[in-house]
Amino acid sequence: MAKPLLPLATELSPLDRAALARHFLALDDADRRLRFGVPQRDSAIRAYVERIDFSRDAVFGVWDADLQLIGAAHLARAGKRAELGKAQLGYAPITSTTLFRDPSRGADSTGFGLGMIHSF
């Protein structure tokens, strides 16, 4: 069977936690700082991935031809009453693949009026 020519983008589920953790753990220190806003140790990244609420948030991944996760985006919806209507989008491509040409489109289409983007 021939490999796909283009990366495949999918919405992730709890079954993809291990792949998501591997993706984030593969980021170097500079990329971790850019993705998370501060340097992150491996243990903090693992804890972050475990805390993702897939039933509330939207998490997307881009897979290469070998089905390795090469990019990820997490649209985290605010859970506190005072912050309803807000979301934070963080994304982290590990290669030169463009994950999203316009990351704000994802937040706009969900009805959020304010979004924060951490990217590199």
PDB file of N, CA and C in Angstrom:
ATOM      1  N   MET A   1       0.838  -1.182   0.000  1.00  0.00           N
ATOM      2  CA  MET A   1       0.000   0.000   0.000  1.00  0.00           C
ATOM      3  C   MET A   1       0.883   1.245   0.000  1.00  0.00           C
ATOM      4  N   ALA A   2       0.588   2.193  -0.865  1.00  0.00           N
ATOM      5  CA  ALA A   2       1.370   3.417  -0.969  1.00  0.00           C
ATOM      6  C   ALA A   2       1.119   4.314   0.233  1.00  0.00           C
ATOM      7  N   LYS A   3       2.173   5.027   0.661  1.00  0.00           N
ATOM      8  CA  LYS A   3       2.035   5.968   1.767  1.00  0.00           C
ATOM      9  C   LYS A   3       1.318   7.224   1.269  1.00  0.00           C
ATOM     10  N   PRO A   4       0.539   7.876   2.164  1.00  0.00           N
ATOM     11  CA  PRO A   4      -0.122   9.114   1.762  1.00  0.00           C
ATOM     12  C   PRO A   4       0.910  10.183   1.408  1.00  0.00           C
ATOM     13  N   LEU A   5       0.577  11.028   0.438  1.00  0.00           N
ATOM     14  CA  LEU A   5       1.482  12.082   0.021  1.00  0.00           C
ATOM     15  C   LEU A   5       1.449  13.274   0.962  1.00  0.00           C
ATOM     16  N   LEU A   6       0.316  13.519   1.601  1.00  0.00           N
ATOM     17  CA  LEU A   6       0.163  14.663   2.480  1.00  0.00           C
ATOM     18  C   LEU A   6      -0.042  14.206   3.912  1.00  0.00           C
ATOM     19  N   PRO A   7       0.362  15.034   4.871  1.00  0.00           N
ATOM     20  CA  PRO A   7       0.074  14.681   6.266  1.00  0.00           C
ATOM     21  C   PRO A   7      -1.430  14.591   6.492  1.00  0.00           C
ATOM     22  N   LEU A   8      -1.814  13.778   7.445  1.00  0.00           N
ATOM     23  CA  LEU A   8      -3.212  13.564   7.788  1.00  0.00           C
ATOM     24  C   LEU A   8      -3.512  14.300   9.088  1.00  0.00           C
ATOM     25  N   ALA A   9      -4.528  15.148   9.091  1.00  0.00           N
ATOM     26  CA  ALA A   9      -4.940  15.872  10.297  1.00  0.00           C
ATOM     27  C   ALA A   9      -6.192  15.212  10.864  1.00  0.00           C
ATOM     28  N   THR A  10      -6.178  14.963  12.178  1.00  0.00           N
ATOM     29  CA  THR A  10      -7.323  14.341  12.837  1.00  0.00           C
ATOM     30  C   THR A  10      -7.565  14.997  14.190  1.00  0.00           C
ATOM     31  N   GLU A  11      -8.779  14.828  14.703  1.00  0.00           N
ATOM     32  CA  GLU A  11      -9.034  15.208  16.085  1.00  0.00           C
ATOM     33  C   GLU A  11      -8.551  14.054  16.956  1.00  0.00           C
ATOM     34  N   LEU A  12      -7.836  14.385  18.019  1.00  0.00           N
ATOM     35  CA  LEU A  12      -7.272  13.355  18.888  1.00  0.00           C
ATOM     36  C   LEU A  12      -8.268  12.980  19.981  1.00  0.00           C
ATOM     37  N   SER A  13      -8.050  11.804  20.556  1.00  0.00           N
ATOM     38  CA  SER A  13      -8.891  11.290  21.631  1.00  0.00           C
ATOM     39  C   SER A  13      -7.982  10.825  22.762  1.00  0.00           C
ATOM     40  N   PRO A  14      -8.559  10.406  23.871  1.00  0.00           N
ATOM     41  CA  PRO A  14      -7.724   9.881  24.960  1.00  0.00           C
ATOM     42  C   PRO A  14      -6.812   8.723  24.509  1.00  0.00           C
ATOM     43  N   LEU A  15      -7.210   8.007  23.469  1.00  0.00           N
ATOM     44  CA  LEU A  15      -6.373   6.914  22.962  1.00  0.00           C
ATOM     45  C   LEU A  15      -5.061   7.412  22.363  1.00  0.00           C
ATOM     46  N   ASP A  16      -4.975   8.709  22.072  1.00  0.00           N
ATOM     47  CA  ASP A  16      -3.780   9.299  21.462  1.00  0.00           C
ATOM     48  C   ASP A  16      -2.857   9.963  22.480  1.00  0.00           C
ATOM     49  N   ARG A  17      -3.136   9.819  23.765  1.00  0.00           N
ATOM     50  CA  ARG A  17      -2.307  10.472  24.795  1.00  0.00           C
ATOM     51  C   ARG A  17      -0.829  10.106  24.670  1.00  0.00           C
ATOM     52  N   ALA A  18      -0.519   8.845  24.455  1.00  0.00           N
ATOM     53  CA  ALA A  18       0.888   8.421  24.385  1.00  0.00           C
ATOM     54  C   ALA A  18       1.594   9.096  23.211  1.00  0.00           C
ATOM     55  N   ALA A  19       0.943   9.148  22.055  1.00  0.00           N
ATOM     56  CA  ALA A  19       1.541   9.803  20.887  1.00  0.00           C
ATOM     57  C   ALA A  19       1.721  11.297  21.141  1.00  0.00           C
ATOM     58  N   LEU A  20       0.745  11.914  21.799  1.00  0.00           N
ATOM     59  CA  LEU A  20       0.828  13.334  22.104  1.00  0.00           C
ATOM     60  C   LEU A  20       1.972  13.606  23.077  1.00  0.00           C
ATOM     61  N   ALA A  21       2.114  12.765  24.085  1.00  0.00           N
ATOM     62  CA  ALA A  21       3.222  12.918  25.031  1.00  0.00           C
ATOM     63  C   ALA A  21       4.560  12.760  24.310  1.00  0.00           C
ATOM     64  N   ARG A  22       4.690  11.751  23.455  1.00  0.00           N
ATOM     65  CA  ARG A  22       5.941  11.565  22.697  1.00  0.00           C
ATOM     66  C   ARG A  22       6.252  12.796  21.855  1.00  0.00           C
ATOM     67  N   HIS A  23       5.221  13.353  21.219  1.00  0.00           N
ATOM     68  CA  HIS A  23       5.415  14.541  20.388  1.00  0.00           C
ATOM     69  C   HIS A  23       5.969  15.702  21.215  1.00  0.00           C
ATOM     70  N   PHE A  24       5.325  16.010  22.342  1.00  0.00           N
ATOM     71  CA  PHE A  24       5.777  17.120  23.174  1.00  0.00           C
ATOM     72  C   PHE A  24       7.149  16.845  23.789  1.00  0.00           C
ATOM     73  N   LEU A  25       7.402  15.606  24.186  1.00  0.00           N
ATOM     74  CA  LEU A  25       8.697  15.271  24.781  1.00  0.00           C
ATOM     75  C   LEU A  25       9.835  15.357  23.768  1.00  0.00           C
ATOM     76  N   ALA A  26       9.526  15.248  22.488  1.00  0.00           N
ATOM     77  CA  ALA A  26      10.547  15.350  21.443  1.00  0.00           C
ATOM     78  C   ALA A  26      10.960  16.795  21.162  1.00  0.00           C
ATOM     79  N   LEU A  27      10.183  17.772  21.669  1.00  0.00           N
ATOM     80  CA  LEU A  27      10.546  19.173  21.472  1.00  0.00           C
ATOM     81  C   LEU A  27      11.815  19.498  22.254  1.00  0.00           C
ATOM     82  N   ASP A  28      12.703  20.295  21.643  1.00  0.00           N
ATOM     83  CA  ASP A  28      13.903  20.703  22.377  1.00  0.00           C
ATOM     84  C   ASP A  28      13.536  21.806  23.377  1.00  0.00           C
ATOM     85  N   ASP A  29      14.493  22.211  24.196  1.00  0.00           N
ATOM     86  CA  ASP A  29      14.211  23.176  25.259  1.00  0.00           C
ATOM     87  C   ASP A  29      13.644  24.490  24.729  1.00  0.00           C
ATOM     88  N   ALA A  30      14.216  24.996  23.640  1.00  0.00           N
ATOM     89  CA  ALA A  30      13.741  26.266  23.075  1.00  0.00           C
ATOM     90  C   ALA A  30      12.311  26.127  22.571  1.00  0.00           C
ATOM     91  N   ASP A  31      11.997  25.031  21.907  1.00  0.00           N
ATOM     92  CA  ASP A  31      10.644  24.819  21.390  1.00  0.00           C
ATOM     93  C   ASP A  31       9.639  24.585  22.518  1.00  0.00           C
ATOM     94  N   ARG A  32      10.088  23.933  23.590  1.00  0.00           N
ATOM     95  CA  ARG A  32       9.201  23.760  24.744  1.00  0.00           C
ATOM     96  C   ARG A  32       8.845  25.123  25.348  1.00  0.00           C
ATOM     97  N   ARG A  33       9.832  25.997  25.436  1.00  0.00           N
ATOM     98  CA  ARG A  33       9.581  27.341  25.965  1.00  0.00           C
ATOM     99  C   ARG A  33       8.585  28.081  25.075  1.00  0.00           C
ATOM    100  N   LEU A  34       8.755  27.973  23.777  1.00  0.00           N
ATOM    101  CA  LEU A  34       7.844  28.648  22.855  1.00  0.00           C
ATOM    102  C   LEU A  34       6.445  28.044  22.907  1.00  0.00           C
ATOM    103  N   ARG A  35       6.329  26.747  23.016  1.00  0.00           N
ATOM    104  CA  ARG A  35       5.018  26.085  23.031  1.00  0.00           C
ATOM    105  C   ARG A  35       4.260  26.336  24.322  1.00  0.00           C
ATOM    106  N   PHE A  36       4.968  26.216  25.465  1.00  0.00           N
ATOM    107  CA  PHE A  36       4.303  26.286  26.756  1.00  0.00           C
ATOM    108  C   PHE A  36       4.467  27.634  27.463  1.00  0.00           C
ATOM    109  N   GLY A  37       5.296  28.520  26.903  1.00  0.00           N
ATOM    110  CA  GLY A  37       5.506  29.831  27.507  1.00  0.00           C
ATOM    111  C   GLY A  37       6.627  29.867  28.525  1.00  0.00           C
ATOM    112  N   VAL A  38       7.005  28.722  29.034  1.00  0.00           N
ATOM    113  CA  VAL A  38       8.104  28.577  29.991  1.00  0.00           C
ATOM    114  C   VAL A  38       8.779  27.239  29.716  1.00  0.00           C
ATOM    115  N   PRO A  39      10.032  27.077  30.157  1.00  0.00           N
ATOM    116  CA  PRO A  39      10.667  25.756  29.991  1.00  0.00           C
ATOM    117  C   PRO A  39       9.879  24.698  30.773  1.00  0.00           C
ATOM    118  N   GLN A  40       9.768  23.505  30.208  1.00  0.00           N
ATOM    119  CA  GLN A  40       9.020  22.432  30.863  1.00  0.00           C
ATOM    120  C   GLN A  40       9.885  21.183  30.971  1.00  0.00           C
ATOM    121  N   ARG A  41       9.883  20.581  32.141  1.00  0.00           N
ATOM    122  CA  ARG A  41      10.559  19.295  32.329  1.00  0.00           C
ATOM    123  C   ARG A  41       9.662  18.186  31.783  1.00  0.00           C
ATOM    124  N   ASP A  42      10.275  17.035  31.541  1.00  0.00           N
ATOM    125  CA  ASP A  42       9.514  15.890  31.029  1.00  0.00           C
ATOM    126  C   ASP A  42       8.331  15.559  31.932  1.00  0.00           C
ATOM    127  N   SER A  43       8.537  15.583  33.237  1.00  0.00           N
ATOM    128  CA  SER A  43       7.452  15.227  34.164  1.00  0.00           C
ATOM    129  C   SER A  43       6.281  16.204  34.052  1.00  0.00           C
ATOM    130  N   ALA A  44       6.563  17.485  33.839  1.00  0.00           N
ATOM    131  CA  ALA A  44       5.489  18.481  33.692  1.00  0.00           C
ATOM    132  C   ALA A  44       4.722  18.255  32.395  1.00  0.00           C
ATOM    133  N   ILE A  45       5.422  17.874  31.340  1.00  0.00           N
ATOM    134  CA  ILE A  45       4.751  17.607  30.062  1.00  0.00           C
ATOM    135  C   ILE A  45       3.859  16.388  30.176  1.00  0.00           C
ATOM    136  N   ARG A  46       4.366  15.332  30.806  1.00  0.00           N
ATOM    137  CA  ARG A  46       3.536  14.138  30.996  1.00  0.00           C
ATOM    138  C   ARG A  46       2.282  14.462  31.806  1.00  0.00           C
ATOM    139  N   ALA A  47       2.430  15.266  32.862  1.00  0.00           N
ATOM    140  CA  ALA A  47       1.286  15.645  33.693  1.00  0.00           C
ATOM    141  C   ALA A  47       0.301  16.494  32.887  1.00  0.00           C
ATOM    142  N   TYR A  48       0.808  17.401  32.062  1.00  0.00           N
ATOM    143  CA  TYR A  48      -0.052  18.235  31.212  1.00  0.00           C
ATOM    144  C   TYR A  48      -0.899  17.364  30.288  1.00  0.00           C
ATOM    145  N   VAL A  49      -0.268  16.397  29.633  1.00  0.00           N
ATOM    146  CA  VAL A  49      -0.990  15.530  28.699  1.00  0.00           C
ATOM    147  C   VAL A  49      -2.046  14.718  29.444  1.00  0.00           C
ATOM    148  N   GLU A  50      -1.738  14.256  30.632  1.00  0.00           N
ATOM    149  CA  GLU A  50      -2.704  13.478  31.417  1.00  0.00           C
ATOM    150  C   GLU A  50      -3.898  14.324  31.859  1.00  0.00           C
ATOM    151  N   ARG A  51      -3.702  15.638  32.033  1.00  0.00           N
ATOM    152  CA  ARG A  51      -4.785  16.516  32.486  1.00  0.00           C
ATOM    153  C   ARG A  51      -5.694  16.982  31.351  1.00  0.00           C
ATOM    154  N   ILE A  52      -5.337  16.754  30.113  1.00  0.00           N
ATOM    155  CA  ILE A  52      -6.171  17.227  29.015  1.00  0.00           C
ATOM    156  C   ILE A  52      -7.537  16.559  29.095  1.00  0.00           C
ATOM    157  N   ASP A  53      -8.564  17.371  29.054  1.00  0.00           N
ATOM    158  CA  ASP A  53      -9.946  16.890  29.105  1.00  0.00           C
ATOM    159  C   ASP A  53     -10.477  16.848  27.668  1.00  0.00           C
ATOM    160  N   PHE A  54     -10.398  15.693  27.052  1.00  0.00           N
ATOM    161  CA  PHE A  54     -10.805  15.544  25.656  1.00  0.00           C
ATOM    162  C   PHE A  54     -12.304  15.739  25.461  1.00  0.00           C
ATOM    163  N   SER A  55     -13.088  15.611  26.523  1.00  0.00           N
ATOM    164  CA  SER A  55     -14.530  15.824  26.390  1.00  0.00           C
ATOM    165  C   SER A  55     -14.892  17.307  26.396  1.00  0.00           C
ATOM    166  N   ARG A  56     -14.007  18.155  26.906  1.00  0.00           N
ATOM    167  CA  ARG A  56     -14.251  19.591  26.966  1.00  0.00           C
ATOM    168  C   ARG A  56     -13.464  20.343  25.901  1.00  0.00           C
ATOM    169  N   ASP A  57     -12.222  19.955  25.708  1.00  0.00           N
ATOM    170  CA  ASP A  57     -11.307  20.656  24.814  1.00  0.00           C
ATOM    171  C   ASP A  57     -11.293  20.021  23.428  1.00  0.00           C
ATOM    172  N   ALA A  58     -10.709  20.710  22.489  1.00  0.00           N
ATOM    173  CA  ALA A  58     -10.494  20.169  21.149  1.00  0.00           C
ATOM    174  C   ALA A  58      -8.994  20.010  20.959  1.00  0.00           C
ATOM    175  N   VAL A  59      -8.571  18.805  20.614  1.00  0.00           N
ATOM    176  CA  VAL A  59      -7.152  18.518  20.416  1.00  0.00           C
ATOM    177  C   VAL A  59      -7.000  17.898  19.033  1.00  0.00           C
ATOM    178  N   PHE A  60      -6.102  18.461  18.247  1.00  0.00           N
ATOM    179  CA  PHE A  60      -5.903  18.012  16.872  1.00  0.00           C
ATOM    180  C   PHE A  60      -4.457  17.592  16.673  1.00  0.00           C
ATOM    181  N   GLY A  61      -4.252  16.644  15.774  1.00  0.00           N
ATOM    182  CA  GLY A  61      -2.912  16.193  15.466  1.00  0.00           C
ATOM    183  C   GLY A  61      -2.701  16.076  13.976  1.00  0.00           C
ATOM    184  N   VAL A  62      -1.464  16.207  13.569  1.00  0.00           N
ATOM    185  CA  VAL A  62      -1.071  15.989  12.179  1.00  0.00           C
ATOM    186  C   VAL A  62      -0.102  14.814  12.187  1.00  0.00           C
ATOM    187  N   TRP A  63      -0.424  13.808  11.382  1.00  0.00           N
ATOM    188  CA  TRP A  63       0.334  12.566  11.315  1.00  0.00           C
ATOM    189  C   TRP A  63       1.084  12.509   9.991  1.00  0.00           C
ATOM    190  N   ASP A  64       2.320  12.015  10.020  1.00  0.00           N
ATOM    191  CA  ASP A  64       3.068  11.867   8.778  1.00  0.00           C
ATOM    192  C   ASP A  64       2.748  10.517   8.123  1.00  0.00           C
ATOM    193  N   ALA A  65       3.436  10.227   7.047  1.00  0.00           N
ATOM    194  CA  ALA A  65       3.164   8.996   6.291  1.00  0.00           C
ATOM    195  C   ALA A  65       3.459   7.739   7.108  1.00  0.00           C
ATOM    196  N   ASP A  66       4.306   7.855   8.133  1.00  0.00           N
ATOM    197  CA  ASP A  66       4.619   6.720   8.997  1.00  0.00           C
ATOM    198  C   ASP A  66       3.731   6.690  10.240  1.00  0.00           C
ATOM    199  N   LEU A  67       2.681   7.521  10.230  1.00  0.00           N
ATOM    200  CA  LEU A  67       1.726   7.637  11.338  1.00  0.00           C
ATOM    201  C   LEU A  67       2.398   8.075  12.639  1.00  0.00           C
ATOM    202  N   GLN A  68       3.388   8.960  12.494  1.00  0.00           N
ATOM    203  CA  GLN A  68       4.017   9.602  13.646  1.00  0.00           C
ATOM    204  C   GLN A  68       3.410  10.990  13.777  1.00  0.00           C
ATOM    205  N   LEU A  69       3.078  11.381  14.991  1.00  0.00           N
ATOM    206  CA  LEU A  69       2.507  12.693  15.227  1.00  0.00           C
ATOM    207  C   LEU A  69       3.585  13.749  14.999  1.00  0.00           C
ATOM    208  N   ILE A  70       3.361  14.654  14.044  1.00  0.00           N
ATOM    209  CA  ILE A  70       4.358  15.674  13.709  1.00  0.00           C
ATOM    210  C   ILE A  70       3.886  17.081  14.064  1.00  0.00           C
ATOM    211  N   GLY A  71       2.672  17.208  14.529  1.00  0.00           N
ATOM    212  CA  GLY A  71       2.150  18.504  14.940  1.00  0.00           C
ATOM    213  C   GLY A  71       0.931  18.303  15.805  1.00  0.00           C
ATOM    214  N   ALA A  72       0.700  19.229  16.717  1.00  0.00           N
ATOM    215  CA  ALA A  72      -0.454  19.108  17.600  1.00  0.00           C
ATOM    216  C   ALA A  72      -0.965  20.484  17.971  1.00  0.00           C
ATOM    217  N   ALA A  73      -2.264  20.578  18.155  1.00  0.00           N
ATOM    218  CA  ALA A  73      -2.894  21.815  18.603  1.00  0.00           C
ATOM    219  C   ALA A  73      -3.919  21.469  19.670  1.00  0.00           C
ATOM    220  N   HIS A  74      -3.972  22.288  20.703  1.00  0.00           N
ATOM    221  CA  HIS A  74      -4.888  22.065  21.824  1.00  0.00           C
ATOM    222  C   HIS A  74      -5.666  23.349  22.039  1.00  0.00           C
ATOM    223  N   LEU A  75      -6.958  23.302  21.784  1.00  0.00           N
ATOM    224  CA  LEU A  75      -7.854  24.420  22.062  1.00  0.00           C
ATOM    225  C   LEU A  75      -8.497  24.126  23.410  1.00  0.00           C
ATOM    226  N   ALA A  76      -7.967  24.757  24.451  1.00  0.00           N
ATOM    227  CA  ALA A  76      -8.424  24.510  25.818  1.00  0.00           C
ATOM    228  C   ALA A  76      -9.489  25.528  26.182  1.00  0.00           C
ATOM    229  N   ARG A  77     -10.673  25.034  26.443  1.00  0.00           N
ATOM    230  CA  ARG A  77     -11.780  25.913  26.814  1.00  0.00           C
ATOM    231  C   ARG A  77     -11.689  26.235  28.301  1.00  0.00           C
ATOM    232  N   ALA A  78     -11.935  27.488  28.637  1.00  0.00           N
ATOM    233  CA  ALA A  78     -11.901  27.909  30.029  1.00  0.00           C
ATOM    234  C   ALA A  78     -13.004  27.202  30.801  1.00  0.00           C
ATOM    235  N   GLY A  79     -12.685  26.728  31.975  1.00  0.00           N
ATOM    236  CA  GLY A  79     -13.663  25.986  32.755  1.00  0.00           C
ATOM    237  C   GLY A  79     -14.298  26.779  33.881  1.00  0.00           C
ATOM    238  N   LYS A  80     -13.744  27.966  34.197  1.00  0.00           N
ATOM    239  CA  LYS A  80     -14.282  28.768  35.292  1.00  0.00           C
ATOM    240  C   LYS A  80     -15.396  29.668  34.785  1.00  0.00           C
ATOM    241  N   ARG A  81     -16.408  29.829  35.606  1.00  0.00           N
ATOM    242  CA  ARG A  81     -17.566  30.645  35.219  1.00  0.00           C
ATOM    243  C   ARG A  81     -17.144  32.044  34.770  1.00  0.00           C
ATOM    244  N   ALA A  82     -16.188  32.658  35.454  1.00  0.00           N
ATOM    245  CA  ALA A  82     -15.753  34.020  35.113  1.00  0.00           C
ATOM    246  C   ALA A  82     -15.074  34.076  33.752  1.00  0.00           C
ATOM    247  N   GLU A  83     -14.634  32.940  33.250  1.00  0.00           N
ATOM    248  CA  GLU A  83     -13.895  32.914  31.988  1.00  0.00           C
ATOM    249  C   GLU A  83     -14.674  32.254  30.863  1.00  0.00           C
ATOM    250  N   LEU A  84     -15.958  32.024  31.032  1.00  0.00           N
ATOM    251  CA  LEU A  84     -16.738  31.381  29.980  1.00  0.00           C
ATOM    252  C   LEU A  84     -16.631  32.202  28.693  1.00  0.00           C
ATOM    253  N   GLY A  85     -16.577  31.527  27.596  1.00  0.00           N
ATOM    254  CA  GLY A  85     -16.435  32.204  26.314  1.00  0.00           C
ATOM    255  C   GLY A  85     -14.996  32.454  25.925  1.00  0.00           C
ATOM    256  N   LYS A  86     -14.043  31.960  26.713  1.00  0.00           N
ATOM    257  CA  LYS A  86     -12.625  32.141  26.416  1.00  0.00           C
ATOM    258  C   LYS A  86     -11.982  30.782  26.181  1.00  0.00           C
ATOM    259  N   ALA A  87     -10.941  30.795  25.374  1.00  0.00           N
ATOM    260  CA  ALA A  87     -10.191  29.570  25.120  1.00  0.00           C
ATOM    261  C   ALA A  87      -8.747  29.937  24.863  1.00  0.00           C
ATOM    262  N   GLN A  88      -7.874  28.978  25.026  1.00  0.00           N
ATOM    263  CA  GLN A  88      -6.459  29.165  24.757  1.00  0.00           C
ATOM    264  C   GLN A  88      -6.033  28.123  23.737  1.00  0.00           C
ATOM    265  N   LEU A  89      -5.344  28.563  22.696  1.00  0.00           N
ATOM    266  CA  LEU A  89      -4.864  27.666  21.662  1.00  0.00           C
ATOM    267  C   LEU A  89      -3.353  27.600  21.731  1.00  0.00           C
ATOM    268  N   GLY A  90      -2.827  26.393  21.886  1.00  0.00           N
ATOM    269  CA  GLY A  90      -1.391  26.172  21.826  1.00  0.00           C
ATOM    270  C   GLY A  90      -1.123  25.144  20.754  1.00  0.00           C
ATOM    271  N   TYR A  91      -0.090  25.378  19.942  1.00  0.00           N
ATOM    272  CA  TYR A  91       0.244  24.367  18.939  1.00  0.00           C
ATOM    273  C   TYR A  91       1.745  24.231  18.804  1.00  0.00           C
ATOM    274  N   ALA A  92       2.156  23.055  18.372  1.00  0.00           N
ATOM    275  CA  ALA A  92       3.573  22.735  18.345  1.00  0.00           C
ATOM    276  C   ALA A  92       3.910  21.796  17.203  1.00  0.00           C
ATOM    277  N   PRO A  93       4.255  22.326  16.032  1.00  0.00           N
ATOM    278  CA  PRO A  93       4.761  21.442  14.983  1.00  0.00           C
ATOM    279  C   PRO A  93       6.205  21.065  15.299  1.00  0.00           C
ATOM    280  N   ILE A  94       6.579  19.837  14.999  1.00  0.00           N
ATOM    281  CA  ILE A  94       7.939  19.401  15.273  1.00  0.00           C
ATOM    282  C   ILE A  94       8.813  19.462  14.024  1.00  0.00           C
ATOM    283  N   THR A  95       8.190  19.663  12.878  1.00  0.00           N
ATOM    284  CA  THR A  95       8.921  19.768  11.624  1.00  0.00           C
ATOM    285  C   THR A  95       8.554  21.076  10.958  1.00  0.00           C
ATOM    286  N   SER A  96       9.005  21.272   9.744  1.00  0.00           N
ATOM    287  CA  SER A  96       8.675  22.492   9.022  1.00  0.00           C
ATOM    288  C   SER A  96       7.252  22.464   8.471  1.00  0.00           C
ATOM    289  N   THR A  97       6.506  21.381   8.734  1.00  0.00           N
ATOM    290  CA  THR A  97       5.118  21.293   8.281  1.00  0.00           C
ATOM    291  C   THR A  97       4.297  22.423   8.890  1.00  0.00           C
ATOM    292  N   THR A  98       3.518  23.115   8.103  1.00  0.00           N
ATOM    293  CA  THR A  98       2.639  24.145   8.631  1.00  0.00           C
ATOM    294  C   THR A  98       1.409  23.475   9.197  1.00  0.00           C
ATOM    295  N   LEU A  99       1.215  23.611  10.509  1.00  0.00           N
ATOM    296  CA  LEU A  99       0.089  22.948  11.153  1.00  0.00           C
ATOM    297  C   LEU A  99      -1.218  23.663  10.829  1.00  0.00           C
ATOM    298  N   PHE A 100      -1.226  24.951  10.997  1.00  0.00           N
ATOM    299  CA  PHE A 100      -2.413  25.737  10.683  1.00  0.00           C
ATOM    300  C   PHE A 100      -1.971  27.029  10.024  1.00  0.00           C
ATOM    301  N   ARG A 101      -2.550  27.369   8.901  1.00  0.00           N
ATOM    302  CA  ARG A 101      -2.225  28.632   8.246  1.00  0.00           C
ATOM    303  C   ARG A 101      -2.825  29.803   9.029  1.00  0.00           C
ATOM    304  N   ASP A 102      -3.982  29.623   9.640  1.00  0.00           N
ATOM    305  CA  ASP A 102      -4.629  30.672  10.422  1.00  0.00           C
ATOM    306  C   ASP A 102      -5.178  30.053  11.703  1.00  0.00           C
ATOM    307  N   PRO A 103      -4.346  29.982  12.763  1.00  0.00           N
ATOM    308  CA  PRO A 103      -4.770  29.303  13.984  1.00  0.00           C
ATOM    309  C   PRO A 103      -5.995  29.922  14.631  1.00  0.00           C
ATOM    310  N   SER A 104      -6.261  31.184  14.384  1.00  0.00           N
ATOM    311  CA  SER A 104      -7.405  31.820  15.024  1.00  0.00           C
ATOM    312  C   SER A 104      -8.727  31.318  14.469  1.00  0.00           C
ATOM    313  N   ARG A 105      -8.737  30.709  13.276  1.00  0.00           N
ATOM    314  CA  ARG A 105      -9.989  30.195  12.697  1.00  0.00           C
ATOM    315  C   ARG A 105     -10.642  29.173  13.602  1.00  0.00           C
ATOM    316  N   GLY A 106      -9.844  28.322  14.240  1.00  0.00           N
ATOM    317  CA  GLY A 106     -10.405  27.303  15.125  1.00  0.00           C
ATOM    318  C   GLY A 106     -11.172  27.915  16.275  1.00  0.00           C
ATOM    319  N   ALA A 107     -10.634  28.987  16.871  1.00  0.00           N
ATOM    320  CA  ALA A 107     -11.323  29.644  17.977  1.00  0.00           C
ATOM    321  C   ALA A 107     -12.555  30.388  17.480  1.00  0.00           C
ATOM    322  N   ASP A 108     -12.445  31.065  16.349  1.00  0.00           N
ATOM    323  CA  ASP A 108     -13.585  31.812  15.808  1.00  0.00           C
ATOM    324  C   ASP A 108     -14.770  30.905  15.540  1.00  0.00           C
ATOM    325  N   SER A 109     -14.528  29.732  15.009  1.00  0.00           N
ATOM    326  CA  SER A 109     -15.619  28.855  14.617  1.00  0.00           C
ATOM    327  C   SER A 109     -16.336  28.231  15.814  1.00  0.00           C
ATOM    328  N   THR A 110     -15.746  28.349  17.014  1.00  0.00           N
ATOM    329  CA  THR A 110     -16.386  27.787  18.196  1.00  0.00           C
ATOM    330  C   THR A 110     -17.130  28.839  19.004  1.00  0.00           C
ATOM    331  N   GLY A 111     -17.121  30.099  18.561  1.00  0.00           N
ATOM    332  CA  GLY A 111     -17.859  31.147  19.246  1.00  0.00           C
ATOM    333  C   GLY A 111     -17.081  31.845  20.346  1.00  0.00           C
ATOM    334  N   PHE A 112     -15.791  31.619  20.460  1.00  0.00           N
ATOM    335  CA  PHE A 112     -15.001  32.278  21.491  1.00  0.00           C
ATOM    336  C   PHE A 112     -14.584  33.662  21.019  1.00  0.00           C
ATOM    337  N   GLY A 113     -14.737  34.652  21.899  1.00  0.00           N
ATOM    338  CA  GLY A 113     -14.397  36.017  21.546  1.00  0.00           C
ATOM    339  C   GLY A 113     -12.953  36.375  21.850  1.00  0.00           C
ATOM    340  N   LEU A 114     -12.286  35.627  22.707  1.00  0.00           N
ATOM    341  CA  LEU A 114     -10.913  35.917  23.085  1.00  0.00           C
ATOM    342  C   LEU A 114     -10.116  34.629  23.048  1.00  0.00           C
ATOM    343  N   GLY A 115      -8.980  34.650  22.410  1.00  0.00           N
ATOM    344  CA  GLY A 115      -8.109  33.495  22.380  1.00  0.00           C
ATOM    345  C   GLY A 115      -6.673  33.917  22.612  1.00  0.00           C
ATOM    346  N   MET A 116      -5.878  33.038  23.200  1.00  0.00           N
ATOM    347  CA  MET A 116      -4.462  33.290  23.386  1.00  0.00           C
ATOM    348  C   MET A 116      -3.710  32.191  22.662  1.00  0.00           C
ATOM    349  N   ILE A 117      -2.684  32.552  21.912  1.00  0.00           N
ATOM    350  CA  ILE A 117      -1.954  31.578  21.111  1.00  0.00           C
ATOM    351  C   ILE A 117      -0.506  31.534  21.567  1.00  0.00           C
ATOM    352  N   HIS A 118      -0.007  30.330  21.890  1.00  0.00           N
ATOM    353  CA  HIS A 118       1.404  30.100  22.161  1.00  0.00           C
ATOM    354  C   HIS A 118       1.942  29.320  20.992  1.00  0.00           C
ATOM    355  N   SER A 119       2.886  29.877  20.255  1.00  0.00           N
ATOM    356  CA  SER A 119       3.361  29.190  19.071  1.00  0.00           C
ATOM    357  C   SER A 119       4.808  29.532  18.801  1.00  0.00           C
ATOM    358  N   PHE A 120       5.385  28.800  17.859  1.00  0.00           N
ATOM    359  CA  PHE A 120       6.737  29.119  17.404  1.00  0.00           C
ATOM    360  C   PHE A 120       6.850  28.856  15.943  1.00  0.00           C
TER     361      PHE A 120
END
